[in-house]
């Protein structure tokens, strides 16, 4: 028996990229840090919120690489002048990736009370009606 993949289904002609996006999303090893929410703020607008307590604006970077939103955070090393009796708050780096659909763009990012908000918006394409001429055979 042959394996029928998503991109080879006869009703999904031209959607091979969708299968690649699904595979890339499954392979992105998001270990759960930092925790995040994804919410729909309007009909075609979304917001990703990451809990990044302890990070400053300059400790983080947000990039879009090949339709993939990548958020990275790296805290500076301690200078060594602090003596911890107990260290329960880990200062570690992170990378979170989100695959964005075609037509979705990042419109802004804000930091508020230890939460990083990344706002996304989906552009609405104009509806195009195309009439196909039927030719007669001679």
N, C-alpha and C. Protein backbone atom coordinates (compact mmCIF):
# COMPACT_ATOMS: atom_id res chain seq x y z
N UNK A 1 0.85 -1.17 0.00
CA UNK A 1 0.00 0.00 0.00
C UNK A 1 0.90 1.24 0.00
N UNK A 2 0.57 2.21 -0.81
CA UNK A 2 1.38 3.43 -0.89
C UNK A 2 0.84 4.47 0.09
N UNK A 3 1.74 5.29 0.57
CA UNK A 3 1.37 6.34 1.51
C UNK A 3 0.89 7.55 0.73
N UNK A 4 -0.29 8.02 1.05
CA UNK A 4 -0.85 9.21 0.40
C UNK A 4 -0.51 10.41 1.26
N UNK A 5 0.35 11.27 0.76
CA UNK A 5 0.73 12.46 1.52
C UNK A 5 -0.24 13.59 1.23
N UNK A 6 -0.18 14.61 2.08
CA UNK A 6 -1.07 15.74 1.94
C UNK A 6 -0.91 16.42 0.58
N UNK A 7 0.33 16.62 0.13
CA UNK A 7 0.58 17.32 -1.12
C UNK A 7 0.24 16.52 -2.36
N UNK A 8 0.06 15.21 -2.23
CA UNK A 8 -0.22 14.39 -3.42
C UNK A 8 -1.71 14.07 -3.57
N UNK A 9 -2.54 14.57 -2.69
CA UNK A 9 -3.97 14.33 -2.81
C UNK A 9 -4.50 15.07 -4.03
N UNK A 10 -5.35 14.44 -4.85
CA UNK A 10 -5.80 15.08 -6.10
C UNK A 10 -6.58 16.38 -5.91
N UNK A 11 -7.19 16.61 -4.76
CA UNK A 11 -7.95 17.83 -4.53
C UNK A 11 -7.06 18.98 -4.04
N UNK A 12 -5.79 18.72 -3.80
CA UNK A 12 -4.89 19.74 -3.26
C UNK A 12 -3.77 20.07 -4.24
N UNK A 13 -4.12 20.25 -5.51
CA UNK A 13 -3.12 20.59 -6.51
C UNK A 13 -2.55 21.98 -6.22
N UNK A 14 -1.25 22.07 -6.21
CA UNK A 14 -0.59 23.34 -5.98
C UNK A 14 -0.39 23.69 -4.51
N UNK A 15 -0.69 22.77 -3.60
CA UNK A 15 -0.54 23.04 -2.17
C UNK A 15 0.65 22.28 -1.57
N UNK A 16 1.67 22.03 -2.39
CA UNK A 16 2.84 21.31 -1.89
C UNK A 16 3.55 22.10 -0.79
N UNK A 17 3.48 23.43 -0.87
CA UNK A 17 4.12 24.25 0.14
C UNK A 17 3.46 24.06 1.50
N UNK A 18 2.16 23.79 1.52
CA UNK A 18 1.45 23.55 2.76
C UNK A 18 2.03 22.34 3.49
N UNK A 19 2.34 21.29 2.76
CA UNK A 19 2.93 20.11 3.37
C UNK A 19 4.30 20.42 3.95
N UNK A 20 5.10 21.23 3.25
CA UNK A 20 6.42 21.62 3.78
C UNK A 20 6.28 22.44 5.05
N UNK A 21 5.28 23.34 5.09
CA UNK A 21 5.06 24.14 6.29
C UNK A 21 4.65 23.28 7.48
N UNK A 22 3.81 22.29 7.24
CA UNK A 22 3.39 21.39 8.31
C UNK A 22 4.58 20.61 8.84
N UNK A 23 5.43 20.12 7.95
CA UNK A 23 6.62 19.38 8.38
C UNK A 23 7.57 20.28 9.16
N UNK A 24 7.77 21.51 8.70
CA UNK A 24 8.68 22.43 9.38
C UNK A 24 8.15 22.79 10.76
N UNK A 25 6.84 22.95 10.89
CA UNK A 25 6.24 23.26 12.18
C UNK A 25 6.41 22.09 13.14
N UNK A 26 6.23 20.89 12.65
CA UNK A 26 6.37 19.71 13.51
C UNK A 26 7.80 19.54 13.99
N UNK A 27 8.77 19.94 13.17
CA UNK A 27 10.18 19.77 13.53
C UNK A 27 10.70 20.86 14.45
N UNK A 28 10.01 22.00 14.53
CA UNK A 28 10.51 23.08 15.39
C UNK A 28 10.33 22.66 16.84
N UNK A 29 11.42 22.41 17.52
CA UNK A 29 11.39 21.87 18.87
C UNK A 29 11.12 22.93 19.91
N UNK A 30 9.89 23.34 20.03
CA UNK A 30 9.52 24.31 21.06
C UNK A 30 9.35 23.56 22.37
N UNK A 31 10.27 23.80 23.30
CA UNK A 31 10.28 23.06 24.55
C UNK A 31 9.37 23.64 25.60
N UNK A 32 8.66 24.70 25.30
CA UNK A 32 7.71 25.25 26.24
C UNK A 32 8.17 26.51 26.94
N UNK A 33 9.36 27.01 26.65
CA UNK A 33 9.84 28.24 27.28
C UNK A 33 10.17 29.26 26.21
N UNK A 34 9.71 30.44 26.31
CA UNK A 34 8.76 30.95 27.28
C UNK A 34 7.33 30.60 26.89
N UNK A 35 6.42 30.58 27.87
CA UNK A 35 5.03 30.30 27.53
C UNK A 35 4.45 31.43 26.68
N UNK A 36 3.44 31.11 25.88
CA UNK A 36 2.86 32.11 24.98
C UNK A 36 1.38 31.89 24.79
N UNK A 37 0.71 32.94 24.34
CA UNK A 37 -0.70 32.90 23.93
C UNK A 37 -0.78 33.38 22.50
N UNK A 38 -1.78 32.88 21.78
CA UNK A 38 -2.11 33.40 20.45
C UNK A 38 -3.60 33.73 20.49
N UNK A 39 -3.91 34.98 20.17
CA UNK A 39 -5.30 35.40 20.23
C UNK A 39 -5.68 36.15 18.95
N UNK A 40 -6.96 36.10 18.65
CA UNK A 40 -7.47 36.86 17.52
C UNK A 40 -8.04 38.15 18.07
N UNK A 41 -7.47 39.28 17.64
CA UNK A 41 -7.89 40.58 18.18
C UNK A 41 -8.99 41.24 17.34
N UNK A 42 -9.00 40.98 16.05
CA UNK A 42 -10.04 41.45 15.13
C UNK A 42 -10.26 40.36 14.10
N UNK A 43 -11.10 40.65 13.08
CA UNK A 43 -11.40 39.64 12.06
C UNK A 43 -10.14 39.10 11.38
N UNK A 44 -9.20 39.99 11.04
CA UNK A 44 -8.01 39.57 10.32
C UNK A 44 -6.75 40.02 11.03
N UNK A 45 -6.81 40.10 12.35
CA UNK A 45 -5.65 40.52 13.13
C UNK A 45 -5.44 39.55 14.30
N UNK A 46 -4.18 39.28 14.60
CA UNK A 46 -3.82 38.32 15.63
C UNK A 46 -2.73 38.91 16.51
N UNK A 47 -2.57 38.35 17.71
CA UNK A 47 -1.53 38.79 18.63
C UNK A 47 -0.91 37.57 19.29
N UNK A 48 0.41 37.52 19.23
CA UNK A 48 1.16 36.51 19.95
C UNK A 48 1.75 37.21 21.18
N UNK A 49 1.52 36.65 22.35
CA UNK A 49 2.03 37.21 23.59
C UNK A 49 2.94 36.20 24.26
N UNK A 50 4.18 36.61 24.52
CA UNK A 50 5.15 35.76 25.20
C UNK A 50 5.43 36.32 26.59
N UNK A 51 5.52 35.45 27.59
CA UNK A 51 5.86 35.85 28.96
C UNK A 51 7.39 35.87 29.06
N UNK A 52 7.96 37.07 29.03
CA UNK A 52 9.42 37.23 29.00
C UNK A 52 9.89 38.08 30.18
N UNK A 53 9.42 37.75 31.38
CA UNK A 53 9.82 38.49 32.57
C UNK A 53 11.33 38.43 32.74
N UNK A 54 11.93 39.56 33.04
CA UNK A 54 13.37 39.63 33.24
C UNK A 54 14.15 40.01 32.00
N UNK A 55 13.51 40.00 30.85
CA UNK A 55 14.17 40.39 29.60
C UNK A 55 13.87 41.86 29.31
N UNK A 56 14.83 42.56 28.77
CA UNK A 56 14.65 43.93 28.34
C UNK A 56 14.46 43.94 26.82
N UNK A 57 14.04 45.07 26.29
CA UNK A 57 13.84 45.21 24.84
C UNK A 57 15.11 44.86 24.08
N UNK A 58 16.24 45.35 24.57
CA UNK A 58 17.51 45.12 23.86
C UNK A 58 18.03 43.69 24.00
N UNK A 59 17.41 42.89 24.87
CA UNK A 59 17.82 41.49 25.02
C UNK A 59 17.14 40.58 24.00
N UNK A 60 16.18 41.13 23.24
CA UNK A 60 15.39 40.30 22.33
C UNK A 60 15.48 40.79 20.89
N UNK A 61 15.25 39.87 19.97
CA UNK A 61 15.18 40.22 18.55
C UNK A 61 14.00 39.47 17.92
N UNK A 62 13.37 40.14 16.98
CA UNK A 62 12.23 39.56 16.25
C UNK A 62 12.56 39.65 14.78
N UNK A 63 12.56 38.52 14.09
CA UNK A 63 12.84 38.49 12.65
C UNK A 63 11.82 37.62 11.95
N UNK A 64 11.66 37.86 10.65
CA UNK A 64 10.84 37.00 9.79
C UNK A 64 11.79 36.41 8.77
N UNK A 65 11.92 35.08 8.80
CA UNK A 65 12.83 34.36 7.91
C UNK A 65 12.03 33.32 7.14
N UNK A 66 11.85 33.54 5.85
CA UNK A 66 11.15 32.57 5.01
C UNK A 66 9.77 32.21 5.56
N UNK A 67 8.95 33.25 5.79
CA UNK A 67 7.58 33.11 6.31
C UNK A 67 7.54 32.48 7.70
N UNK A 68 8.62 32.58 8.43
CA UNK A 68 8.68 32.04 9.79
C UNK A 68 9.07 33.18 10.74
N UNK A 69 8.20 33.46 11.70
CA UNK A 69 8.47 34.47 12.71
C UNK A 69 9.36 33.85 13.77
N UNK A 70 10.52 34.46 14.01
CA UNK A 70 11.49 33.93 14.98
C UNK A 70 11.73 35.00 16.04
N UNK A 71 11.49 34.63 17.28
CA UNK A 71 11.70 35.54 18.41
C UNK A 71 12.81 34.93 19.27
N UNK A 72 13.87 35.71 19.46
CA UNK A 72 15.02 35.23 20.23
C UNK A 72 15.24 36.15 21.42
N UNK A 73 15.66 35.55 22.52
CA UNK A 73 15.99 36.33 23.71
C UNK A 73 17.27 35.81 24.33
N UNK A 74 18.11 36.74 24.75
CA UNK A 74 19.37 36.37 25.40
C UNK A 74 19.67 37.42 26.46
N UNK A 75 19.77 36.97 27.71
CA UNK A 75 20.09 37.88 28.80
C UNK A 75 21.60 37.97 28.96
N UNK A 76 22.09 39.16 29.31
CA UNK A 76 23.54 39.30 29.51
C UNK A 76 24.01 38.49 30.71
N UNK A 77 25.26 38.08 30.68
CA UNK A 77 25.85 37.31 31.77
C UNK A 77 25.97 38.20 33.01
N UNK A 78 25.86 37.56 34.18
CA UNK A 78 26.07 38.30 35.43
C UNK A 78 27.51 38.74 35.54
N UNK A 79 27.69 39.90 36.11
CA UNK A 79 29.05 40.42 36.28
C UNK A 79 29.81 39.68 37.36
N UNK A 80 29.13 38.92 38.21
CA UNK A 80 29.81 38.17 39.25
C UNK A 80 29.87 38.88 40.58
N UNK A 81 29.30 40.08 40.69
CA UNK A 81 29.34 40.80 41.95
C UNK A 81 28.16 40.43 42.86
N UNK A 82 27.26 39.60 42.39
CA UNK A 82 26.11 39.16 43.18
C UNK A 82 26.35 37.77 43.71
N UNK A 83 25.97 37.54 44.96
CA UNK A 83 26.11 36.23 45.60
C UNK A 83 24.70 35.71 45.84
N UNK A 84 24.35 34.61 45.19
CA UNK A 84 23.03 34.02 45.33
C UNK A 84 23.06 32.96 46.43
N UNK A 85 22.14 33.02 47.38
CA UNK A 85 21.96 31.96 48.35
C UNK A 85 21.07 30.87 47.76
N UNK A 86 20.17 31.28 46.89
CA UNK A 86 19.34 30.35 46.12
C UNK A 86 19.06 31.00 44.78
N UNK A 87 19.24 30.26 43.72
CA UNK A 87 18.97 30.81 42.39
C UNK A 87 17.89 29.97 41.73
N UNK A 88 16.67 30.48 41.78
CA UNK A 88 15.53 29.76 41.21
C UNK A 88 15.04 30.38 39.91
N UNK A 89 15.51 31.58 39.61
CA UNK A 89 15.12 32.25 38.37
C UNK A 89 16.27 32.09 37.39
N UNK A 90 16.03 31.28 36.40
CA UNK A 90 17.09 31.01 35.43
C UNK A 90 17.18 32.13 34.41
N UNK A 91 18.38 32.61 34.17
CA UNK A 91 18.60 33.58 33.11
C UNK A 91 19.10 32.81 31.89
N UNK A 92 18.21 32.41 31.03
CA UNK A 92 18.60 31.59 29.89
C UNK A 92 18.10 32.22 28.60
N UNK A 93 18.70 31.77 27.53
CA UNK A 93 18.28 32.26 26.22
C UNK A 93 17.14 31.39 25.70
N UNK A 94 16.41 31.93 24.73
CA UNK A 94 15.32 31.17 24.13
C UNK A 94 15.19 31.55 22.68
N UNK A 95 14.49 30.68 21.95
CA UNK A 95 14.10 30.94 20.57
C UNK A 95 12.74 30.31 20.35
N UNK A 96 11.80 31.11 19.92
CA UNK A 96 10.45 30.64 19.59
C UNK A 96 10.20 30.93 18.12
N UNK A 97 9.65 29.94 17.42
CA UNK A 97 9.36 30.08 15.99
C UNK A 97 7.88 29.83 15.74
N UNK A 98 7.32 30.64 14.85
CA UNK A 98 5.92 30.51 14.45
C UNK A 98 5.88 30.58 12.93
N UNK A 99 5.28 29.60 12.28
CA UNK A 99 5.14 29.61 10.83
C UNK A 99 3.93 30.47 10.48
N UNK A 100 4.15 31.46 9.61
CA UNK A 100 3.08 32.36 9.22
C UNK A 100 2.56 31.98 7.83
N UNK A 101 1.27 32.09 7.65
CA UNK A 101 0.67 31.81 6.35
C UNK A 101 0.99 32.95 5.38
N UNK A 102 0.87 32.66 4.10
CA UNK A 102 1.06 33.71 3.10
C UNK A 102 0.04 34.82 3.33
N UNK A 103 0.48 36.04 3.21
CA UNK A 103 -0.41 37.18 3.39
C UNK A 103 -0.47 37.69 4.81
N UNK A 104 0.16 37.00 5.76
CA UNK A 104 0.19 37.47 7.15
C UNK A 104 1.49 38.23 7.36
N UNK A 105 1.40 39.44 7.89
CA UNK A 105 2.57 40.28 8.12
C UNK A 105 2.62 40.73 9.56
N UNK A 106 3.83 40.95 10.06
CA UNK A 106 4.02 41.50 11.39
C UNK A 106 3.84 43.01 11.29
N UNK A 107 2.96 43.58 12.11
CA UNK A 107 2.70 45.01 12.04
C UNK A 107 3.30 45.77 13.22
N UNK A 108 3.77 45.06 14.24
CA UNK A 108 4.39 45.76 15.36
C UNK A 108 4.62 44.84 16.53
N UNK A 109 5.41 45.34 17.49
CA UNK A 109 5.69 44.60 18.71
C UNK A 109 5.81 45.60 19.86
N UNK A 110 5.27 45.23 21.01
CA UNK A 110 5.35 46.08 22.19
C UNK A 110 5.70 45.21 23.40
N UNK A 111 6.34 45.86 24.39
CA UNK A 111 6.69 45.20 25.63
C UNK A 111 5.92 45.88 26.76
N UNK A 112 5.22 45.07 27.58
CA UNK A 112 4.38 45.65 28.62
C UNK A 112 4.33 44.70 29.81
N UNK A 113 4.84 45.14 30.95
CA UNK A 113 4.77 44.37 32.20
C UNK A 113 5.31 42.95 32.06
N UNK A 114 6.44 42.79 31.40
CA UNK A 114 7.04 41.47 31.24
C UNK A 114 6.41 40.61 30.17
N UNK A 115 5.53 41.18 29.37
CA UNK A 115 4.89 40.46 28.27
C UNK A 115 5.28 41.12 26.95
N UNK A 116 5.73 40.30 26.01
CA UNK A 116 6.05 40.78 24.67
C UNK A 116 4.86 40.48 23.77
N UNK A 117 4.29 41.53 23.18
CA UNK A 117 3.14 41.39 22.27
C UNK A 117 3.63 41.59 20.85
N UNK A 118 3.37 40.63 19.97
CA UNK A 118 3.70 40.74 18.55
C UNK A 118 2.38 40.72 17.80
N UNK A 119 2.09 41.80 17.09
CA UNK A 119 0.82 41.93 16.37
C UNK A 119 0.99 41.54 14.90
N UNK A 120 0.06 40.74 14.43
CA UNK A 120 0.06 40.24 13.05
C UNK A 120 -1.25 40.64 12.38
N UNK A 121 -1.18 40.79 11.06
CA UNK A 121 -2.38 41.13 10.31
C UNK A 121 -2.37 40.39 8.98
N UNK A 122 -3.53 39.89 8.60
CA UNK A 122 -3.67 39.20 7.32
C UNK A 122 -4.28 40.16 6.32
N UNK A 123 -3.56 40.40 5.22
CA UNK A 123 -4.07 41.27 4.15
C UNK A 123 -5.19 40.54 3.41
N UNK A 124 -6.23 41.26 3.10
CA UNK A 124 -7.36 40.67 2.39
C UNK A 124 -7.21 40.90 0.90
N UNK A 125 -7.02 39.83 0.13
CA UNK A 125 -6.87 40.00 -1.31
C UNK A 125 -8.21 40.38 -1.96
N UNK A 126 -8.09 41.11 -3.05
CA UNK A 126 -9.30 41.47 -3.80
C UNK A 126 -9.80 40.24 -4.54
N UNK A 127 -11.11 40.11 -4.61
CA UNK A 127 -11.71 39.00 -5.32
C UNK A 127 -11.59 39.25 -6.82
N UNK A 128 -11.01 38.29 -7.53
CA UNK A 128 -10.81 38.42 -8.96
C UNK A 128 -11.69 37.37 -9.66
N UNK A 129 -12.52 37.83 -10.56
CA UNK A 129 -13.36 36.94 -11.34
C UNK A 129 -12.76 36.86 -12.73
N UNK A 130 -12.47 35.66 -13.15
CA UNK A 130 -11.84 35.46 -14.45
C UNK A 130 -12.77 34.63 -15.34
N UNK A 131 -13.02 35.12 -16.51
CA UNK A 131 -13.86 34.41 -17.47
C UNK A 131 -12.95 33.70 -18.47
N UNK A 132 -13.21 32.41 -18.67
CA UNK A 132 -12.41 31.58 -19.57
C UNK A 132 -13.18 31.38 -20.87
N UNK A 133 -12.56 31.77 -21.97
CA UNK A 133 -13.17 31.62 -23.29
C UNK A 133 -13.12 30.16 -23.72
N UNK A 134 -14.22 29.64 -24.21
CA UNK A 134 -14.27 28.27 -24.75
C UNK A 134 -14.10 28.37 -26.25
N UNK A 135 -13.06 27.73 -26.76
CA UNK A 135 -12.76 27.77 -28.20
C UNK A 135 -13.43 26.61 -28.90
N UNK A 136 -13.89 26.87 -30.12
CA UNK A 136 -14.50 25.82 -30.95
C UNK A 136 -13.41 25.14 -31.76
N UNK A 137 -13.52 23.84 -31.90
CA UNK A 137 -12.58 23.10 -32.73
C UNK A 137 -13.12 23.03 -34.15
N UNK A 138 -12.22 23.16 -35.09
CA UNK A 138 -12.64 23.17 -36.49
C UNK A 138 -12.79 21.79 -37.04
